[in-house]
Every structure is written in structure tokens, then in C-alpha cells.
PDB file of N, CA and C in Angstrom:
ATOM      1  N   MET A   1       0.909  -1.260  -0.008  1.00  0.00           N
ATOM      2  CA  MET A   1      -0.019   0.005   0.032  1.00  0.00           C
ATOM      3  C   MET A   1       0.898   1.203  -0.015  1.00  0.00           C
ATOM      4  N   ASP A   2       0.544   2.138  -0.830  1.00  0.00           N
ATOM      5  CA  ASP A   2       1.461   3.333  -0.894  1.00  0.00           C
ATOM      6  C   ASP A   2       1.035   4.367   0.182  1.00  0.00           C
ATOM      7  N   ASP A   3       1.835   5.345   0.377  1.00  0.00           N
ATOM      8  CA  ASP A   3       1.625   6.303   1.426  1.00  0.00           C
ATOM      9  C   ASP A   3       0.404   6.983   1.396  1.00  0.00           C
ATOM     10  N   SER A   4      -0.180   7.392   0.222  1.00  0.00           N
ATOM     11  CA  SER A   4      -1.345   8.187   0.111  1.00  0.00           C
ATOM     12  C   SER A   4      -2.667   7.389   0.565  1.00  0.00           C
ATOM     13  N   PHE A   5      -2.588   6.157   0.254  1.00  0.00           N
ATOM     14  CA  PHE A   5      -3.661   5.282   0.931  1.00  0.00           C
ATOM     15  C   PHE A   5      -3.690   5.133   2.395  1.00  0.00           C
ATOM     16  N   ARG A   6      -2.427   4.872   2.829  1.00  0.00           N
ATOM     17  CA  ARG A   6      -2.124   4.856   4.199  1.00  0.00           C
ATOM     18  C   ARG A   6      -2.569   6.020   4.883  1.00  0.00           C
ATOM     19  N   ASP A   7      -2.156   7.203   4.508  1.00  0.00           N
ATOM     20  CA  ASP A   7      -2.597   8.476   5.085  1.00  0.00           C
ATOM     21  C   ASP A   7      -4.073   8.668   5.101  1.00  0.00           C
ATOM     22  N   PHE A   8      -4.605   8.377   4.050  1.00  0.00           N
ATOM     23  CA  PHE A   8      -6.232   8.572   3.806  1.00  0.00           C
ATOM     24  C   PHE A   8      -6.848   7.628   4.861  1.00  0.00           C
ATOM     25  N   TYR A   9      -6.530   6.389   4.944  1.00  0.00           N
ATOM     26  CA  TYR A   9      -7.145   5.549   5.926  1.00  0.00           C
ATOM     27  C   TYR A   9      -6.835   5.882   7.393  1.00  0.00           C
ATOM     28  N   SER A  10      -5.649   6.353   7.678  1.00  0.00           N
ATOM     29  CA  SER A  10      -5.344   6.714   9.069  1.00  0.00           C
ATOM     30  C   SER A  10      -6.162   7.819   9.469  1.00  0.00           C
ATOM     31  N   ARG A  11      -6.293   8.823   8.427  1.00  0.00           N
ATOM     32  CA  ARG A  11      -7.259  10.007   8.800  1.00  0.00           C
ATOM     33  C   ARG A  11      -8.677   9.564   8.949  1.00  0.00           C
ATOM     34  N   GLU A  12      -9.182   8.772   8.189  1.00  0.00           N
ATOM     35  CA  GLU A  12     -10.513   8.241   8.243  1.00  0.00           C
ATOM     36  C   GLU A  12     -10.755   7.541   9.545  1.00  0.00           C
ATOM     37  N   ARG A  13      -9.700   6.703  10.024  1.00  0.00           N
ATOM     38  CA  ARG A  13      -9.924   6.089  11.325  1.00  0.00           C
ATOM     39  C   ARG A  13      -9.826   6.923  12.404  1.00  0.00           C
ATOM     40  N   LYS A  14      -8.979   8.074  12.382  1.00  0.00           N
ATOM     41  CA  LYS A  14      -8.884   9.068  13.471  1.00  0.00           C
ATOM     42  C   LYS A  14     -10.304   9.768  13.540  1.00  0.00           C
ATOM     43  N   VAL A  15     -10.919  10.130  12.386  1.00  0.00           N
ATOM     44  CA  VAL A  15     -12.189  10.821  12.558  1.00  0.00           C
ATOM     45  C   VAL A  15     -13.284   9.930  13.107  1.00  0.00           C
ATOM     46  N   TYR A  16     -13.276   8.660  12.697  1.00  0.00           N
ATOM     47  CA  TYR A  16     -14.169   7.700  13.353  1.00  0.00           C
ATOM     48  C   TYR A  16     -14.011   7.469  14.577  1.00  0.00           C
ATOM     49  N   GLU A  17     -12.829   7.305  15.144  1.00  0.00           N
ATOM     50  CA  GLU A  17     -12.444   7.197  16.634  1.00  0.00           C
ATOM     51  C   GLU A  17     -12.831   8.328  17.477  1.00  0.00           C
ATOM     52  N   ASP A  18     -12.552   9.566  16.937  1.00  0.00           N
ATOM     53  CA  ASP A  18     -13.009  10.746  17.664  1.00  0.00           C
ATOM     54  C   ASP A  18     -14.417  10.889  17.749  1.00  0.00           C
ATOM     55  N   LYS A  19     -15.228  10.531  16.680  1.00  0.00           N
ATOM     56  CA  LYS A  19     -16.683  10.618  16.782  1.00  0.00           C
ATOM     57  C   LYS A  19     -17.192   9.555  17.701  1.00  0.00           C
ATOM     58  N   LEU A  20     -16.453   8.439  17.863  1.00  0.00           N
ATOM     59  CA  LEU A  20     -16.936   7.281  18.688  1.00  0.00           C
ATOM     60  C   LEU A  20     -16.688   7.704  20.125  1.00  0.00           C
ATOM     61  N   ASP A  21     -15.513   8.378  20.415  1.00  0.00           N
ATOM     62  CA  ASP A  21     -15.359   8.896  21.705  1.00  0.00           C
ATOM     63  C   ASP A  21     -16.219   9.924  22.233  1.00  0.00           C
ATOM     64  N   ILE A  22     -16.673  10.782  21.397  1.00  0.00           N
ATOM     65  CA  ILE A  22     -17.568  11.870  21.629  1.00  0.00           C
ATOM     66  C   ILE A  22     -19.070  11.228  22.018  1.00  0.00           C
ATOM     67  N   GLU A  23     -19.464  10.259  21.287  1.00  0.00           N
ATOM     68  CA  GLU A  23     -20.787   9.432  21.561  1.00  0.00           C
ATOM     69  C   GLU A  23     -20.628   8.728  22.818  1.00  0.00           C
ATOM     70  N   ILE A  24     -19.504   8.109  23.186  1.00  0.00           N
ATOM     71  CA  ILE A  24     -19.443   7.436  24.413  1.00  0.00           C
ATOM     72  C   ILE A  24     -19.537   8.392  25.594  1.00  0.00           C
ATOM     73  N   GLN A  25     -18.748   9.575  25.293  1.00  0.00           N
ATOM     74  CA  GLN A  25     -18.878  10.645  26.453  1.00  0.00           C
ATOM     75  C   GLN A  25     -20.353  11.064  26.640  1.00  0.00           C
ATOM     76  N   LYS A  26     -21.100  11.347  25.621  1.00  0.00           N
ATOM     77  CA  LYS A  26     -22.458  11.777  25.706  1.00  0.00           C
ATOM     78  C   LYS A  26     -23.283  10.638  26.380  1.00  0.00           C
ATOM     79  N   ARG A  27     -23.131   9.425  26.116  1.00  0.00           N
ATOM     80  CA  ARG A  27     -23.799   8.217  26.678  1.00  0.00           C
ATOM     81  C   ARG A  27     -23.494   8.265  28.195  1.00  0.00           C
ATOM     82  N   GLU A  28     -22.216   8.397  28.645  1.00  0.00           N
ATOM     83  CA  GLU A  28     -21.723   8.414  29.973  1.00  0.00           C
ATOM     84  C   GLU A  28     -22.388   9.535  30.760  1.00  0.00           C
ATOM     85  N   PHE A  29     -22.546  10.677  30.144  1.00  0.00           N
ATOM     86  CA  PHE A  29     -23.093  11.934  30.702  1.00  0.00           C
ATOM     87  C   PHE A  29     -24.511  11.566  30.909  1.00  0.00           C
ATOM     88  N   GLU A  30     -25.268  10.981  29.874  1.00  0.00           N
ATOM     89  CA  GLU A  30     -26.683  10.827  30.225  1.00  0.00           C
ATOM     90  C   GLU A  30     -26.898   9.672  31.172  1.00  0.00           C
ATOM     91  N   ILE A  31     -26.132   8.737  31.270  1.00  0.00           N
ATOM     92  CA  ILE A  31     -26.208   7.680  32.414  1.00  0.00           C
ATOM     93  C   ILE A  31     -25.871   8.304  33.795  1.00  0.00           C
ATOM     94  N   ARG A  32     -24.935   9.191  33.876  1.00  0.00           N
ATOM     95  CA  ARG A  32     -24.606   9.862  35.206  1.00  0.00           C
ATOM     96  C   ARG A  32     -25.883  10.752  35.558  1.00  0.00           C
ATOM     97  N   ASN A  33     -26.474  11.441  34.630  1.00  0.00           N
ATOM     98  CA  ASN A  33     -27.582  12.342  35.000  1.00  0.00           C
ATOM     99  C   ASN A  33     -28.869  11.475  35.397  1.00  0.00           C
ATOM    100  N   ARG A  34     -28.993  10.322  34.635  1.00  0.00           N
ATOM    101  CA  ARG A  34     -30.212   9.521  35.114  1.00  0.00           C
ATOM    102  C   ARG A  34     -29.999   8.915  36.468  1.00  0.00           C
ATOM    103  N   ARG A  35     -28.831   8.485  36.830  1.00  0.00           N
ATOM    104  CA  ARG A  35     -28.517   7.942  38.080  1.00  0.00           C
ATOM    105  C   ARG A  35     -28.691   9.123  39.147  1.00  0.00           C
ATOM    106  N   MET A  36     -28.214  10.299  38.856  1.00  0.00           N
ATOM    107  CA  MET A  36     -28.333  11.422  39.839  1.00  0.00           C
ATOM    108  C   MET A  36     -29.912  11.649  39.928  1.00  0.00           C
ATOM    109  N   LEU A  37     -30.700  11.743  38.993  1.00  0.00           N
ATOM    110  CA  LEU A  37     -32.121  12.014  38.949  1.00  0.00           C
ATOM    111  C   LEU A  37     -32.767  10.824  39.799  1.00  0.00           C
ATOM    112  N   TYR A  38     -32.464   9.670  39.732  1.00  0.00           N
ATOM    113  CA  TYR A  38     -32.937   8.503  40.482  1.00  0.00           C
ATOM    114  C   TYR A  38     -32.768   8.771  42.010  1.00  0.00           C
ATOM    115  N   TYR A  39     -31.578   9.274  42.251  1.00  0.00           N
ATOM    116  CA  TYR A  39     -31.364   9.382  43.858  1.00  0.00           C
ATOM    117  C   TYR A  39     -31.996  10.711  44.280  1.00  0.00           C
ATOM    118  N   ILE A  40     -32.147  11.704  43.392  1.00  0.00           N
ATOM    119  CA  ILE A  40     -33.009  12.923  43.864  1.00  0.00           C
ATOM    120  C   ILE A  40     -34.376  12.580  43.963  1.00  0.00           C
ATOM    121  N   ILE A  41     -35.032  11.692  43.162  1.00  0.00           N
ATOM    122  CA  ILE A  41     -36.491  11.366  43.290  1.00  0.00           C
ATOM    123  C   ILE A  41     -36.557  10.415  44.596  1.00  0.00           C
ATOM    124  N   LYS A  42     -35.600   9.512  44.647  1.00  0.00           N
ATOM    125  CA  LYS A  42     -35.637   8.620  45.885  1.00  0.00           C
ATOM    126  C   LYS A  42     -35.568   9.436  47.274  1.00  0.00           C
ATOM    127  N   GLU A  43     -34.813  10.525  47.327  1.00  0.00           N
ATOM    128  CA  GLU A  43     -34.753  11.252  48.475  1.00  0.00           C
ATOM    129  C   GLU A  43     -36.102  12.068  48.581  1.00  0.00           C
ATOM    130  N   LEU A  44     -36.574  12.655  47.489  1.00  0.00           N
ATOM    131  CA  LEU A  44     -37.772  13.417  47.664  1.00  0.00           C
ATOM    132  C   LEU A  44     -39.014  12.594  48.083  1.00  0.00           C
ATOM    133  N   LYS A  45     -38.966  11.194  47.569  1.00  0.00           N
ATOM    134  CA  LYS A  45     -40.128  10.398  48.095  1.00  0.00           C
ATOM    135  C   LYS A  45     -40.033   9.980  49.606  1.00  0.00           C
ATOM    136  N   MET A  46     -38.737   9.950  50.022  1.00  0.00           N
ATOM    137  CA  MET A  46     -38.567   9.720  51.539  1.00  0.00           C
ATOM    138  C   MET A  46     -38.987  10.972  52.376  1.00  0.00           C
ATOM    139  N   LEU A  47     -38.853  12.085  51.738  1.00  0.00           N
ATOM    140  CA  LEU A  47     -39.015  13.428  52.577  1.00  0.00           C
ATOM    141  C   LEU A  47     -40.447  13.614  52.580  1.00  0.00           C
ATOM    142  N   TYR A  48     -41.197  13.283  51.406  1.00  0.00           N
ATOM    143  CA  TYR A  48     -42.617  13.595  51.234  1.00  0.00           C
ATOM    144  C   TYR A  48     -43.251  12.334  50.751  1.00  0.00           C
ATOM    145  N   PRO A  49     -43.556  11.425  51.828  1.00  0.00           N
ATOM    146  CA  PRO A  49     -44.145  10.094  51.290  1.00  0.00           C
ATOM    147  C   PRO A  49     -45.574  10.196  50.874  1.00  0.00           C
ATOM    148  N   SER A  50     -46.357  11.347  51.101  1.00  0.00           N
ATOM    149  CA  SER A  50     -47.639  11.493  50.664  1.00  0.00           C
ATOM    150  C   SER A  50     -47.598  11.971  49.286  1.00  0.00           C
ATOM    151  N   GLY A  51     -46.609  12.489  48.730  1.00  0.00           N
ATOM    152  CA  GLY A  51     -46.523  13.026  47.318  1.00  0.00           C
ATOM    153  C   GLY A  51     -46.263  14.439  47.355  1.00  0.00           C
ATOM    154  N   ILE A  52     -45.866  14.925  46.225  1.00  0.00           N
ATOM    155  CA  ILE A  52     -45.635  16.361  45.955  1.00  0.00           C
ATOM    156  C   ILE A  52     -46.541  16.606  44.761  1.00  0.00           C
ATOM    157  N   ASN A  53     -47.199  17.919  45.067  1.00  0.00           N
ATOM    158  CA  ASN A  53     -48.082  18.392  43.959  1.00  0.00           C
ATOM    159  C   ASN A  53     -47.470  19.341  42.999  1.00  0.00           C
ATOM    160  N   ASN A  54     -46.475  20.103  43.548  1.00  0.00           N
ATOM    161  CA  ASN A  54     -45.800  21.176  42.761  1.00  0.00           C
ATOM    162  C   ASN A  54     -44.407  20.925  43.087  1.00  0.00           C
ATOM    163  N   LEU A  55     -43.471  21.249  42.199  1.00  0.00           N
ATOM    164  CA  LEU A  55     -42.053  21.203  42.236  1.00  0.00           C
ATOM    165  C   LEU A  55     -41.381  22.367  41.413  1.00  0.00           C
ATOM    166  N   LEU A  56     -40.583  23.235  41.928  1.00  0.00           N
ATOM    167  CA  LEU A  56     -39.909  24.267  41.286  1.00  0.00           C
ATOM    168  C   LEU A  56     -38.518  23.823  41.080  1.00  0.00           C
ATOM    169  N   ASP A  57     -38.073  23.765  39.862  1.00  0.00           N
ATOM    170  CA  ASP A  57     -36.605  23.381  39.618  1.00  0.00           C
ATOM    171  C   ASP A  57     -35.945  24.694  38.997  1.00  0.00           C
ATOM    172  N   VAL A  58     -35.004  25.233  39.811  1.00  0.00           N
ATOM    173  CA  VAL A  58     -34.269  26.338  39.258  1.00  0.00           C
ATOM    174  C   VAL A  58     -32.804  25.870  38.990  1.00  0.00           C
ATOM    175  N   GLY A  59     -32.490  25.896  37.731  1.00  0.00           N
ATOM    176  CA  GLY A  59     -31.223  25.230  37.436  1.00  0.00           C
ATOM    177  C   GLY A  59     -30.441  26.092  36.566  1.00  0.00           C
TER     178      GLY A  59
END
């Protein structure tokens, strides 16, 4: 394989790997957020066992 093909495929691989890394980071962020939300809801249910009618989220 000559150098031009090697360069082309190495660049393509790098682009693919970078996109894959970004997708993995997004998924990890979503998983962490869901896990945090689970614990927040769990704490709210323990604090207010009869339920909550209104909730203000200032973020």
C-alpha cells in the first residue's frame, strides 16, 4: 500500500475514533444524569411520602 492510501485511511480512522469517543462521552453523561435523578427522586419520596403536587426546579 502506498503512502497516500495509508494517510487517507489513517485520517478516516482518526475521525471515526474521535466521533466514537464523543458518542461514548455523551452516553456516560446521560447515564450519570439519570443516576443522579434517580437518587434525587428517591430522596424526595422519603421526605414527602404522601407525594408532591408542585415542584420548582431552578437550574
